Amino acid sequence: MAVALVAVLVLVPRMVAKRGADRGSGTVDEENLTGVFREGFVEYWSSGEREFTPGLAKAVDYWFRYHLAKAVIATALLIVLVTLGVLLWRVFVRAGGAGVGRRAVLASAGVLVTLLGLYSCVTAMANVQGAAAPFAALFPRLPGAPEGELADTLDQAGQRLAGSSSAGDRTPPALEAMISDFARYHTAMAVVSTIAVVAFIGVSVMLWRKFARTEPSNKRTRRVMGAFGALFALLSLVAVVVVMANTATAADPGQPLLALLKGGW
């Protein structure tokens, strides 16, 4: 199941995203997404409306479906890898009478599955964030040596964003939508990371309790419990930093968004 889901994670999201992207004029796929989004963004900025233009809507819709599919698959993969990892480490703990080679294989497999589990966890979190705010998730595709109309549009957006707090200065509807979605983007990660903090702390506490209850003579079990207890404690600290950073950005998205438009992402 884990191997199958890894393949699905790589192949299926772009297939799901492409479904419906061919409707109407033009098409959107992973190869031309940046170009379609940039053209749509220029058209959207020029429209003076908050509602997405057709070209921009197509790019944003593609990116939403891509992130949603990837988040669902990554979550399923995470569940499978957690189950597999628990089974592998249980077998490793009970393999006291087994040969050195078998114990090494079990330990290596357990480490590999643990690392893949952490990767799938991060992937799921990032794609939940992208599905929650697909417009903002496309913003990093705007900078990067822009030319012509795009360069002028980004310059205008940056100037209006820098002066959006000035007295009596009306914020363009397109810029309002950008700020709102950018704040939602970071709020989503703050919420997801908070859930991760609670989960990591809970698992760490459970493992340390099992470590304390395990007889000192059972060194293999204590080493496994202690190592994973420390790992999840460290992960909870990393997640706390992510929560704080994203909460601060969501509360005041103006300057971070301005830095992004200027290529400081």
C-alpha atoms as a PDB file:
ATOM      1  CA  MET A   1       0.000   0.000   0.000  1.00  0.00           C
ATOM      2  CA  ALA A   2       2.794   2.406   0.838  1.00  0.00           C
ATOM      3  CA  VAL A   3       4.574   1.819  -2.465  1.00  0.00           C
ATOM      4  CA  ALA A   4       1.307   2.159  -4.398  1.00  0.00           C
ATOM      5  CA  LEU A   5       0.391   5.393  -2.605  1.00  0.00           C
ATOM      6  CA  VAL A   6       3.828   6.899  -3.303  1.00  0.00           C
ATOM      7  CA  ALA A   7       3.226   6.299  -7.015  1.00  0.00           C
ATOM      8  CA  VAL A   8      -0.293   7.709  -6.720  1.00  0.00           C
ATOM      9  CA  LEU A   9       1.063  10.784  -4.928  1.00  0.00           C
ATOM     10  CA  VAL A  10       3.412  11.493  -7.812  1.00  0.00           C
ATOM     11  CA  LEU A  11       1.067  10.779 -10.711  1.00  0.00           C
ATOM     12  CA  VAL A  12      -2.551  11.335  -9.731  1.00  0.00           C
ATOM     13  CA  PRO A  13      -2.700  14.982  -8.481  1.00  0.00           C
ATOM     14  CA  ARG A  14      -1.761  16.446 -11.865  1.00  0.00           C
ATOM     15  CA  MET A  15      -4.276  14.130 -13.562  1.00  0.00           C
ATOM     16  CA  VAL A  16      -7.039  15.226 -11.183  1.00  0.00           C
ATOM     17  CA  ALA A  17      -6.073  18.873 -11.584  1.00  0.00           C
ATOM     18  CA  LYS A  18      -6.139  18.639 -15.357  1.00  0.00           C
ATOM     19  CA  ARG A  19      -9.684  17.282 -15.359  1.00  0.00           C
ATOM     20  CA  GLY A  20     -11.918  20.230 -16.073  1.00  0.00           C
ATOM     21  CA  ALA A  21      -8.970  22.463 -16.989  1.00  0.00           C
ATOM     22  CA  ASP A  22      -9.565  21.714 -20.673  1.00  0.00           C
ATOM     23  CA  ARG A  23     -13.095  23.117 -20.619  1.00  0.00           C
ATOM     24  CA  GLY A  24     -13.578  26.326 -22.551  1.00  0.00           C
ATOM     25  CA  SER A  25     -10.770  28.015 -24.398  1.00  0.00           C
ATOM     26  CA  GLY A  26      -7.175  27.050 -23.729  1.00  0.00           C
ATOM     27  CA  THR A  27      -5.797  24.443 -21.389  1.00  0.00           C
ATOM     28  CA  VAL A  28      -3.817  24.439 -18.142  1.00  0.00           C
ATOM     29  CA  ASP A  29      -1.258  21.866 -17.075  1.00  0.00           C
ATOM     30  CA  GLU A  30       1.850  21.757 -14.944  1.00  0.00           C
ATOM     31  CA  GLU A  31       4.060  22.861 -17.840  1.00  0.00           C
ATOM     32  CA  ASN A  32       2.216  26.055 -18.752  1.00  0.00           C
ATOM     33  CA  LEU A  33       0.680  26.897 -15.371  1.00  0.00           C
ATOM     34  CA  THR A  34       3.152  29.709 -14.657  1.00  0.00           C
ATOM     35  CA  GLY A  35       2.541  31.355 -18.024  1.00  0.00           C
ATOM     36  CA  VAL A  36      -1.236  31.042 -17.749  1.00  0.00           C
ATOM     37  CA  PHE A  37      -1.207  32.433 -14.215  1.00  0.00           C
ATOM     38  CA  ARG A  38       1.024  35.371 -15.125  1.00  0.00           C
ATOM     39  CA  GLU A  39      -1.145  36.316 -18.104  1.00  0.00           C
ATOM     40  CA  GLY A  40      -4.280  35.925 -16.019  1.00  0.00           C
ATOM     41  CA  PHE A  41      -2.821  38.020 -13.224  1.00  0.00           C
ATOM     42  CA  VAL A  42      -2.037  40.915 -15.560  1.00  0.00           C
ATOM     43  CA  GLU A  43      -5.556  40.752 -16.975  1.00  0.00           C
ATOM     44  CA  TYR A  44      -7.042  40.521 -13.475  1.00  0.00           C
ATOM     45  CA  TRP A  45      -5.133  43.560 -12.215  1.00  0.00           C
ATOM     46  CA  SER A  46      -6.223  45.587 -15.230  1.00  0.00           C
ATOM     47  CA  SER A  47      -9.879  44.614 -14.799  1.00  0.00           C
ATOM     48  CA  GLY A  48     -10.264  46.615 -11.586  1.00  0.00           C
ATOM     49  CA  GLU A  49     -12.629  43.939 -10.212  1.00  0.00           C
ATOM     50  CA  ARG A  50     -12.302  41.633  -7.225  1.00  0.00           C
ATOM     51  CA  GLU A  51     -13.800  38.665  -9.072  1.00  0.00           C
ATOM     52  CA  PHE A  52     -11.256  36.568 -10.955  1.00  0.00           C
ATOM     53  CA  THR A  53     -11.059  36.903 -14.712  1.00  0.00           C
ATOM     54  CA  PRO A  54     -11.624  33.646 -16.669  1.00  0.00           C
ATOM     55  CA  GLY A  55      -7.931  33.072 -17.347  1.00  0.00           C
ATOM     56  CA  LEU A  56      -6.912  33.585 -13.726  1.00  0.00           C
ATOM     57  CA  ALA A  57      -9.846  31.526 -12.457  1.00  0.00           C
ATOM     58  CA  LYS A  58      -8.735  28.595 -14.606  1.00  0.00           C
ATOM     59  CA  ALA A  59      -5.193  28.683 -13.175  1.00  0.00           C
ATOM     60  CA  VAL A  60      -6.412  29.036  -9.579  1.00  0.00           C
ATOM     61  CA  ASP A  61      -8.947  26.228 -10.026  1.00  0.00           C
ATOM     62  CA  TYR A  62      -6.245  23.945 -11.446  1.00  0.00           C
ATOM     63  CA  TRP A  63      -3.969  24.661  -8.474  1.00  0.00           C
ATOM     64  CA  PHE A  64      -6.811  24.075  -5.985  1.00  0.00           C
ATOM     65  CA  ARG A  65      -7.609  20.643  -7.432  1.00  0.00           C
ATOM     66  CA  TYR A  66      -3.910  19.753  -7.513  1.00  0.00           C
ATOM     67  CA  HIS A  67      -3.344  20.635  -3.852  1.00  0.00           C
ATOM     68  CA  LEU A  68      -6.581  19.032  -2.687  1.00  0.00           C
ATOM     69  CA  ALA A  69      -5.795  15.726  -4.399  1.00  0.00           C
ATOM     70  CA  LYS A  70      -2.235  15.743  -3.091  1.00  0.00           C
ATOM     71  CA  ALA A  71      -3.367  16.545   0.465  1.00  0.00           C
ATOM     72  CA  VAL A  72      -5.831  13.626   0.488  1.00  0.00           C
ATOM     73  CA  ILE A  73      -3.311  11.161  -0.935  1.00  0.00           C
ATOM     74  CA  ALA A  74      -0.493  12.336   1.353  1.00  0.00           C
ATOM     75  CA  THR A  75      -2.777  11.935   4.386  1.00  0.00           C
ATOM     76  CA  ALA A  76      -3.654   8.390   3.324  1.00  0.00           C
ATOM     77  CA  LEU A  77       0.039   7.651   2.803  1.00  0.00           C
ATOM     78  CA  LEU A  78       0.834   9.060   6.249  1.00  0.00           C
ATOM     79  CA  ILE A  79      -1.720   6.732   7.888  1.00  0.00           C
ATOM     80  CA  VAL A  80      -0.261   3.722   6.071  1.00  0.00           C
ATOM     81  CA  LEU A  81       3.335   4.667   6.937  1.00  0.00           C
ATOM     82  CA  VAL A  82       2.509   5.232  10.610  1.00  0.00           C
ATOM     83  CA  THR A  83       0.895   1.792  10.776  1.00  0.00           C
ATOM     84  CA  LEU A  84       3.831   0.187   8.955  1.00  0.00           C
ATOM     85  CA  GLY A  85       6.366   2.010  11.134  1.00  0.00           C
ATOM     86  CA  VAL A  86       4.705   0.876  14.367  1.00  0.00           C
ATOM     87  CA  LEU A  87       4.707  -2.739  13.135  1.00  0.00           C
ATOM     88  CA  LEU A  88       8.354  -2.580  12.070  1.00  0.00           C
ATOM     89  CA  TRP A  89       9.588  -1.086  15.338  1.00  0.00           C
ATOM     90  CA  ARG A  90       7.566  -3.615  17.364  1.00  0.00           C
ATOM     91  CA  VAL A  91       9.174  -6.449  15.449  1.00  0.00           C
ATOM     92  CA  PHE A  92      12.599  -4.839  15.913  1.00  0.00           C
ATOM     93  CA  VAL A  93      12.068  -4.553  19.679  1.00  0.00           C
ATOM     94  CA  ARG A  94      11.063  -8.220  19.909  1.00  0.00           C
ATOM     95  CA  ALA A  95      13.908  -9.446  17.690  1.00  0.00           C
ATOM     96  CA  GLY A  96      16.349  -9.890  20.540  1.00  0.00           C
ATOM     97  CA  GLY A  97      17.216 -13.444  19.563  1.00  0.00           C
ATOM     98  CA  ALA A  98      17.478 -12.726  15.857  1.00  0.00           C
ATOM     99  CA  GLY A  99      20.728 -12.403  13.970  1.00  0.00           C
ATOM    100  CA  VAL A 100      22.574  -9.122  13.583  1.00  0.00           C
ATOM    101  CA  GLY A 101      21.722  -8.950   9.891  1.00  0.00           C
ATOM    102  CA  ARG A 102      17.981  -9.281  10.465  1.00  0.00           C
ATOM    103  CA  ARG A 103      18.016  -6.672  13.220  1.00  0.00           C
ATOM    104  CA  ALA A 104      19.955  -4.293  10.953  1.00  0.00           C
ATOM    105  CA  VAL A 105      17.427  -4.779   8.152  1.00  0.00           C
ATOM    106  CA  LEU A 106      14.509  -4.132  10.532  1.00  0.00           C
ATOM    107  CA  ALA A 107      16.183  -1.028  11.969  1.00  0.00           C
ATOM    108  CA  SER A 108      17.010   0.332   8.497  1.00  0.00           C
ATOM    109  CA  ALA A 109      13.463  -0.290   7.289  1.00  0.00           C
ATOM    110  CA  GLY A 110      12.084   1.388  10.409  1.00  0.00           C
ATOM    111  CA  VAL A 111      14.250   4.478   9.896  1.00  0.00           C
ATOM    112  CA  LEU A 112      13.313   4.683   6.201  1.00  0.00           C
ATOM    113  CA  VAL A 113       9.589   4.404   6.934  1.00  0.00           C
ATOM    114  CA  THR A 114       9.899   7.016   9.707  1.00  0.00           C
ATOM    115  CA  LEU A 115      11.582   9.481   7.347  1.00  0.00           C
ATOM    116  CA  LEU A 116       8.973   8.830   4.661  1.00  0.00           C
ATOM    117  CA  GLY A 117       6.275   9.367   7.278  1.00  0.00           C
ATOM    118  CA  LEU A 118       7.720  12.761   8.194  1.00  0.00           C
ATOM    119  CA  TYR A 119       7.892  13.678   4.502  1.00  0.00           C
ATOM    120  CA  SER A 120       4.267  12.675   3.928  1.00  0.00           C
ATOM    121  CA  CYS A 121       3.234  14.665   7.023  1.00  0.00           C
ATOM    122  CA  VAL A 122       4.938  17.819   5.719  1.00  0.00           C
ATOM    123  CA  THR A 123       3.488  17.191   2.251  1.00  0.00           C
ATOM    124  CA  ALA A 124      -0.025  16.844   3.639  1.00  0.00           C
ATOM    125  CA  MET A 125       0.323  20.038   5.684  1.00  0.00           C
ATOM    126  CA  ALA A 126       1.701  22.067   2.774  1.00  0.00           C
ATOM    127  CA  ASN A 127      -1.017  20.905   0.417  1.00  0.00           C
ATOM    128  CA  VAL A 128      -3.821  21.574   2.890  1.00  0.00           C
ATOM    129  CA  GLN A 129      -2.418  25.098   3.029  1.00  0.00           C
ATOM    130  CA  GLY A 130      -2.332  25.323  -0.761  1.00  0.00           C
ATOM    131  CA  ALA A 131      -5.899  24.030  -1.124  1.00  0.00           C
ATOM    132  CA  ALA A 132      -7.120  26.547   1.461  1.00  0.00           C
ATOM    133  CA  ALA A 133      -5.681  29.490  -0.502  1.00  0.00           C
ATOM    134  CA  PRO A 134      -4.719  28.420  -4.042  1.00  0.00           C
ATOM    135  CA  PHE A 135      -4.507  31.998  -5.323  1.00  0.00           C
ATOM    136  CA  ALA A 136      -1.844  32.912  -2.775  1.00  0.00           C
ATOM    137  CA  ALA A 137      -0.115  29.574  -3.342  1.00  0.00           C
ATOM    138  CA  LEU A 138       0.545  30.735  -6.907  1.00  0.00           C
ATOM    139  CA  PHE A 139       2.140  34.049  -5.887  1.00  0.00           C
ATOM    140  CA  PRO A 140       5.721  32.668  -5.868  1.00  0.00           C
ATOM    141  CA  ARG A 141       5.318  32.143  -9.636  1.00  0.00           C
ATOM    142  CA  LEU A 142       4.971  35.892 -10.237  1.00  0.00           C
ATOM    143  CA  PRO A 143       8.528  37.128  -9.512  1.00  0.00           C
ATOM    144  CA  GLY A 144      11.570  35.744 -11.275  1.00  0.00           C
ATOM    145  CA  ALA A 145      12.787  38.175 -13.962  1.00  0.00           C
ATOM    146  CA  PRO A 146       9.336  39.422 -15.011  1.00  0.00           C
ATOM    147  CA  GLU A 147       9.169  41.402 -18.238  1.00  0.00           C
ATOM    148  CA  GLY A 148       6.779  43.698 -20.085  1.00  0.00           C
ATOM    149  CA  GLU A 149       3.253  43.980 -18.757  1.00  0.00           C
ATOM    150  CA  LEU A 150       3.911  41.624 -15.851  1.00  0.00           C
ATOM    151  CA  ALA A 151       6.841  43.718 -14.612  1.00  0.00           C
ATOM    152  CA  ASP A 152       4.707  46.880 -14.828  1.00  0.00           C
ATOM    153  CA  THR A 153       1.801  45.166 -13.064  1.00  0.00           C
ATOM    154  CA  LEU A 154       3.992  43.904 -10.208  1.00  0.00           C
ATOM    155  CA  ASP A 155       5.510  47.363  -9.871  1.00  0.00           C
ATOM    156  CA  GLN A 156       2.035  48.915  -9.640  1.00  0.00           C
ATOM    157  CA  ALA A 157       0.883  46.288  -7.156  1.00  0.00           C
ATOM    158  CA  GLY A 158       3.986  46.844  -5.037  1.00  0.00           C
ATOM    159  CA  GLN A 159       3.511  50.618  -5.026  1.00  0.00           C
ATOM    160  CA  ARG A 160      -0.165  50.356  -4.109  1.00  0.00           C
ATOM    161  CA  LEU A 161       0.626  47.778  -1.434  1.00  0.00           C
ATOM    162  CA  ALA A 162       3.345  49.982   0.064  1.00  0.00           C
ATOM    163  CA  GLY A 163       0.907  52.915   0.195  1.00  0.00           C
ATOM    164  CA  SER A 164      -2.240  50.961   1.079  1.00  0.00           C
ATOM    165  CA  SER A 165      -2.159  52.181   4.677  1.00  0.00           C
ATOM    166  CA  SER A 166      -1.948  55.846   3.700  1.00  0.00           C
ATOM    167  CA  ALA A 167      -4.841  58.021   4.771  1.00  0.00           C
ATOM    168  CA  GLY A 168      -7.555  58.200   2.150  1.00  0.00           C
ATOM    169  CA  ASP A 169      -5.767  55.777  -0.190  1.00  0.00           C
ATOM    170  CA  ARG A 170      -8.292  53.309  -1.598  1.00  0.00           C
ATOM    171  CA  THR A 171      -6.987  49.780  -1.981  1.00  0.00           C
ATOM    172  CA  PRO A 172      -7.741  48.295  -5.422  1.00  0.00           C
ATOM    173  CA  PRO A 173     -10.143  45.298  -5.304  1.00  0.00           C
ATOM    174  CA  ALA A 174      -7.508  43.012  -6.825  1.00  0.00           C
ATOM    175  CA  LEU A 175      -5.016  43.991  -4.138  1.00  0.00           C
ATOM    176  CA  GLU A 176      -7.618  43.430  -1.431  1.00  0.00           C
ATOM    177  CA  ALA A 177      -8.145  39.915  -2.775  1.00  0.00           C
ATOM    178  CA  MET A 178      -4.388  39.310  -2.797  1.00  0.00           C
ATOM    179  CA  ILE A 179      -3.945  40.471   0.794  1.00  0.00           C
ATOM    180  CA  SER A 180      -6.964  38.485   1.974  1.00  0.00           C
ATOM    181  CA  ASP A 181      -5.857  35.240   0.314  1.00  0.00           C
ATOM    182  CA  PHE A 182      -2.257  35.692   1.456  1.00  0.00           C
ATOM    183  CA  ALA A 183      -3.478  36.057   5.055  1.00  0.00           C
ATOM    184  CA  ARG A 184      -5.704  32.978   4.629  1.00  0.00           C
ATOM    185  CA  TYR A 185      -2.734  31.055   3.248  1.00  0.00           C
ATOM    186  CA  HIS A 186      -0.688  31.645   6.377  1.00  0.00           C
ATOM    187  CA  THR A 187      -3.655  31.223   8.718  1.00  0.00           C
ATOM    188  CA  ALA A 188      -4.211  27.761   7.243  1.00  0.00           C
ATOM    189  CA  MET A 189      -0.627  26.748   7.975  1.00  0.00           C
ATOM    190  CA  ALA A 190      -0.855  28.189  11.489  1.00  0.00           C
ATOM    191  CA  VAL A 191      -3.960  26.083  12.175  1.00  0.00           C
ATOM    192  CA  VAL A 192      -2.521  22.911  10.646  1.00  0.00           C
ATOM    193  CA  SER A 193       0.763  23.393  12.529  1.00  0.00           C
ATOM    194  CA  THR A 194      -1.123  23.910  15.805  1.00  0.00           C
ATOM    195  CA  ILE A 195      -2.820  20.553  15.281  1.00  0.00           C
ATOM    196  CA  ALA A 196       0.597  19.043  14.582  1.00  0.00           C
ATOM    197  CA  VAL A 197       2.011  20.563  17.795  1.00  0.00           C
ATOM    198  CA  VAL A 198      -0.766  18.981  19.864  1.00  0.00           C
ATOM    199  CA  ALA A 199      -0.299  15.617  18.127  1.00  0.00           C
ATOM    200  CA  PHE A 200       3.509  15.643  18.473  1.00  0.00           C
ATOM    201  CA  ILE A 201       3.390  16.589  22.153  1.00  0.00           C
ATOM    202  CA  GLY A 202       0.779  13.917  22.833  1.00  0.00           C
ATOM    203  CA  VAL A 203       2.841  11.209  21.128  1.00  0.00           C
ATOM    204  CA  SER A 204       6.023  12.359  22.881  1.00  0.00           C
ATOM    205  CA  VAL A 205       4.367  12.251  26.320  1.00  0.00           C
ATOM    206  CA  MET A 206       2.959   8.777  25.601  1.00  0.00           C
ATOM    207  CA  LEU A 207       6.365   7.470  24.517  1.00  0.00           C
ATOM    208  CA  TRP A 208       8.174   8.926  27.530  1.00  0.00           C
ATOM    209  CA  ARG A 209       5.609   7.329  29.845  1.00  0.00           C
ATOM    210  CA  LYS A 210       6.217   3.970  28.202  1.00  0.00           C
ATOM    211  CA  PHE A 211       9.954   4.610  28.520  1.00  0.00           C
ATOM    212  CA  ALA A 212       9.561   5.236  32.271  1.00  0.00           C
ATOM    213  CA  ARG A 213       7.448   2.087  32.747  1.00  0.00           C
ATOM    214  CA  THR A 214       9.863  -0.171  30.832  1.00  0.00           C
ATOM    215  CA  GLU A 215      12.297  -2.220  32.907  1.00  0.00           C
ATOM    216  CA  PRO A 216      15.920  -0.964  32.704  1.00  0.00           C
ATOM    217  CA  SER A 217      16.976  -4.437  31.604  1.00  0.00           C
ATOM    218  CA  ASN A 218      14.906  -4.052  28.420  1.00  0.00           C
ATOM    219  CA  LYS A 219      17.430  -1.754  26.792  1.00  0.00           C
ATOM    220  CA  ARG A 220      16.220  -2.192  23.218  1.00  0.00           C
ATOM    221  CA  THR A 221      12.685  -1.039  24.041  1.00  0.00           C
ATOM    222  CA  ARG A 222      13.941   1.880  26.124  1.00  0.00           C
ATOM    223  CA  ARG A 223      16.245   3.031  23.326  1.00  0.00           C
ATOM    224  CA  VAL A 224      13.435   2.981  20.775  1.00  0.00           C
ATOM    225  CA  MET A 225      10.966   4.737  23.083  1.00  0.00           C
ATOM    226  CA  GLY A 226      13.512   7.323  24.177  1.00  0.00           C
ATOM    227  CA  ALA A 227      14.662   8.057  20.638  1.00  0.00           C
ATOM    228  CA  PHE A 228      11.126   8.559  19.339  1.00  0.00           C
ATOM    229  CA  GLY A 229      10.105  10.508  22.432  1.00  0.00           C
ATOM    230  CA  ALA A 230      12.970  12.937  21.791  1.00  0.00           C
ATOM    231  CA  LEU A 231      12.186  13.071  18.056  1.00  0.00           C
ATOM    232  CA  PHE A 232       8.557  14.049  18.593  1.00  0.00           C
ATOM    233  CA  ALA A 233       9.529  16.591  21.257  1.00  0.00           C
ATOM    234  CA  LEU A 234      11.896  18.189  18.735  1.00  0.00           C
ATOM    235  CA  LEU A 235       9.223  18.111  16.030  1.00  0.00           C
ATOM    236  CA  SER A 236       6.786  19.859  18.361  1.00  0.00           C
ATOM    237  CA  LEU A 237       9.305  22.679  18.879  1.00  0.00           C
ATOM    238  CA  VAL A 238       9.775  23.050  15.112  1.00  0.00           C
ATOM    239  CA  ALA A 239       6.004  23.116  14.652  1.00  0.00           C
ATOM    240  CA  VAL A 240       5.674  25.822  17.325  1.00  0.00           C
ATOM    241  CA  VAL A 241       8.118  28.009  15.378  1.00  0.00           C
ATOM    242  CA  VAL A 242       6.062  27.448  12.212  1.00  0.00           C
ATOM    243  CA  VAL A 243       2.879  28.416  14.088  1.00  0.00           C
ATOM    244  CA  MET A 244       4.434  31.622  15.383  1.00  0.00           C
ATOM    245  CA  ALA A 245       5.872  32.649  12.012  1.00  0.00           C
ATOM    246  CA  ASN A 246       2.636  32.036  10.112  1.00  0.00           C
ATOM    247  CA  THR A 247       0.479  33.670  12.785  1.00  0.00           C
ATOM    248  CA  ALA A 248       2.610  36.812  12.625  1.00  0.00           C
ATOM    249  CA  THR A 249       2.370  36.911   8.824  1.00  0.00           C
ATOM    250  CA  ALA A 250      -1.395  36.316   8.849  1.00  0.00           C
ATOM    251  CA  ALA A 251      -1.865  39.152  11.335  1.00  0.00           C
ATOM    252  CA  ASP A 252       0.123  41.624   9.216  1.00  0.00           C
ATOM    253  CA  PRO A 253       0.413  40.274   5.649  1.00  0.00           C
ATOM    254  CA  GLY A 254       1.290  43.543   3.926  1.00  0.00           C
ATOM    255  CA  GLN A 255       5.069  43.628   4.260  1.00  0.00           C
ATOM    256  CA  PRO A 256       5.636  39.892   3.629  1.00  0.00           C
ATOM    257  CA  LEU A 257       3.462  40.109   0.518  1.00  0.00           C
ATOM    258  CA  LEU A 258       5.370  43.175  -0.671  1.00  0.00           C
ATOM    259  CA  ALA A 259       8.663  41.304  -0.180  1.00  0.00           C
ATOM    260  CA  LEU A 260       7.276  38.392  -2.189  1.00  0.00           C
ATOM    261  CA  LEU A 261       6.237  40.627  -5.098  1.00  0.00           C
ATOM    262  CA  LYS A 262       9.736  42.115  -5.106  1.00  0.00           C
ATOM    263  CA  GLY A 263      11.260  38.640  -5.365  1.00  0.00           C
ATOM    264  CA  GLY A 264      12.128  38.177  -1.692  1.00  0.00           C
ATOM    265  CA  TRP A 265      10.144  34.944  -1.276  1.00  0.00           C
END
